[in-house]
Protein backbone atom coordinates (compact mmCIF):
# COMPACT_ATOMS: atom_id res chain seq x y z
CA UNK A 1 0.00 0.00 0.00
CA UNK A 2 1.21 3.52 -0.69
CA UNK A 3 0.16 7.12 -0.20
CA UNK A 4 0.12 9.85 -2.80
CA UNK A 5 1.53 13.33 -2.34
CA UNK A 6 1.73 16.21 -4.80
CA UNK A 7 4.36 18.86 -5.40
CA UNK A 8 3.31 22.50 -5.38
CA UNK A 9 2.84 22.38 -9.17
CA UNK A 10 0.76 19.18 -9.10
CA UNK A 11 3.38 16.51 -9.83
CA UNK A 12 2.21 13.28 -8.20
CA UNK A 13 4.54 11.43 -5.82
CA UNK A 14 3.97 7.98 -4.36
CA UNK A 15 5.20 7.10 -0.88
CA UNK A 16 5.80 3.40 -0.24
CA UNK A 17 5.06 1.71 3.05
CA UNK A 18 8.78 1.90 3.88
CA UNK A 19 8.84 5.69 3.33
CA UNK A 20 10.56 5.78 -0.08
CA UNK A 21 9.22 8.54 -2.32
CA UNK A 22 8.85 7.92 -6.08
CA UNK A 23 7.75 10.04 -9.02
CA UNK A 24 4.40 8.43 -9.85
CA UNK A 25 4.82 8.89 -13.60
CA UNK A 26 8.42 7.74 -14.17
CA UNK A 27 8.91 5.50 -11.14
CA UNK A 28 12.16 7.30 -10.30
CA UNK A 29 13.11 7.33 -6.64
CA UNK A 30 13.03 10.93 -5.42
CA UNK A 31 13.97 10.36 -1.79
CA UNK A 32 12.73 9.15 1.57
CA UNK A 33 10.07 10.48 3.91
CA UNK A 34 11.05 11.18 7.52
CA UNK A 35 8.09 12.56 9.46
CA UNK A 36 6.84 15.66 7.65
CA UNK A 37 10.03 16.06 5.58
CA UNK A 38 11.47 14.40 2.49
CA UNK A 39 15.21 13.93 1.97
CA UNK A 40 16.64 13.34 -1.50
CA UNK A 41 18.87 10.44 -2.61
CA UNK A 42 21.93 12.47 -1.57
CA UNK A 43 20.54 12.81 1.98
CA UNK A 44 19.82 16.52 1.69
CA UNK A 45 16.48 18.10 2.52
CA UNK A 46 14.14 18.13 -0.49
CA UNK A 47 10.79 19.27 0.86
CA UNK A 48 8.27 19.62 3.68
CA UNK A 49 4.82 18.02 3.61
CA UNK A 50 1.77 20.22 4.24
CA UNK A 51 -1.34 18.04 4.11
CA UNK A 52 -0.74 16.18 0.84
CA UNK A 53 1.45 18.85 -0.77
CA UNK A 54 5.27 18.93 -0.75
CA UNK A 55 7.08 22.28 -0.88
CA UNK A 56 10.70 23.31 -0.50
CA UNK A 57 11.21 25.69 2.42
CA UNK A 58 14.62 27.24 3.00
CA UNK A 59 14.30 27.34 6.82
CA UNK A 60 13.67 23.58 6.84
CA UNK A 61 16.66 22.84 4.61
CA UNK A 62 19.20 22.77 7.45
CA UNK A 63 20.31 19.18 8.03
CA UNK A 64 21.21 15.98 6.25
CA UNK A 65 20.04 12.40 6.74
CA UNK A 66 22.62 10.25 4.90
CA UNK A 67 22.53 9.08 1.31
CA UNK A 68 20.11 6.54 -0.15
CA UNK A 69 20.81 3.69 -2.54
CA UNK A 70 19.17 4.45 -5.93
CA UNK A 71 16.22 2.22 -6.86
CA UNK A 72 13.41 2.43 -9.38
CA UNK A 73 9.75 1.62 -9.13
CA UNK A 74 7.26 1.09 -11.93
CA UNK A 75 5.39 4.24 -12.89
CA UNK A 76 1.67 4.80 -12.77
CA UNK A 77 -0.54 5.51 -15.78
CA UNK A 78 -2.99 7.66 -13.88
CA UNK A 79 -3.41 11.30 -14.76
CA UNK A 80 -1.69 13.77 -12.45
CA UNK A 81 -4.27 16.03 -10.85
CA UNK A 82 -3.37 19.69 -10.55
CA UNK A 83 -4.00 21.05 -7.07
CA UNK A 84 -5.40 24.56 -7.15
CA UNK A 85 -6.78 27.08 -4.71
CA UNK A 86 -4.35 26.48 -1.83
CA UNK A 87 -1.53 28.85 -1.10
CA UNK A 88 1.30 27.13 0.73
CA UNK A 89 4.51 29.03 1.48
CA UNK A 90 7.56 27.57 -0.23
CA UNK A 91 8.96 26.66 -3.63
CA UNK A 92 8.57 23.68 -5.97
CA UNK A 93 10.65 20.78 -4.56
CA UNK A 94 13.05 18.54 -6.52
CA UNK A 95 14.26 21.32 -8.84
CA UNK A 96 17.71 19.77 -9.25
CA UNK A 97 16.65 16.11 -9.17
């Protein structure tokens, strides 16, 4: 079983039971969830979760959680829903991933 999250611009992410975060479309591993934060494959902060939306917040970016071993998961064919109407402070996460 997995949970779905969305980036600020509506990109769908899937979180596995173990906490790994994948791009729902490509299946590429984006990082790992730790509480309300996501850390990228390099162990650096990638985003903070607000409800079901992930945003990059500079104040939260202090810290590192160790690197992850790259893996891939099969993508999903579902359509990515754009989330509108909510204003959440922060930037689009995973800009350099």
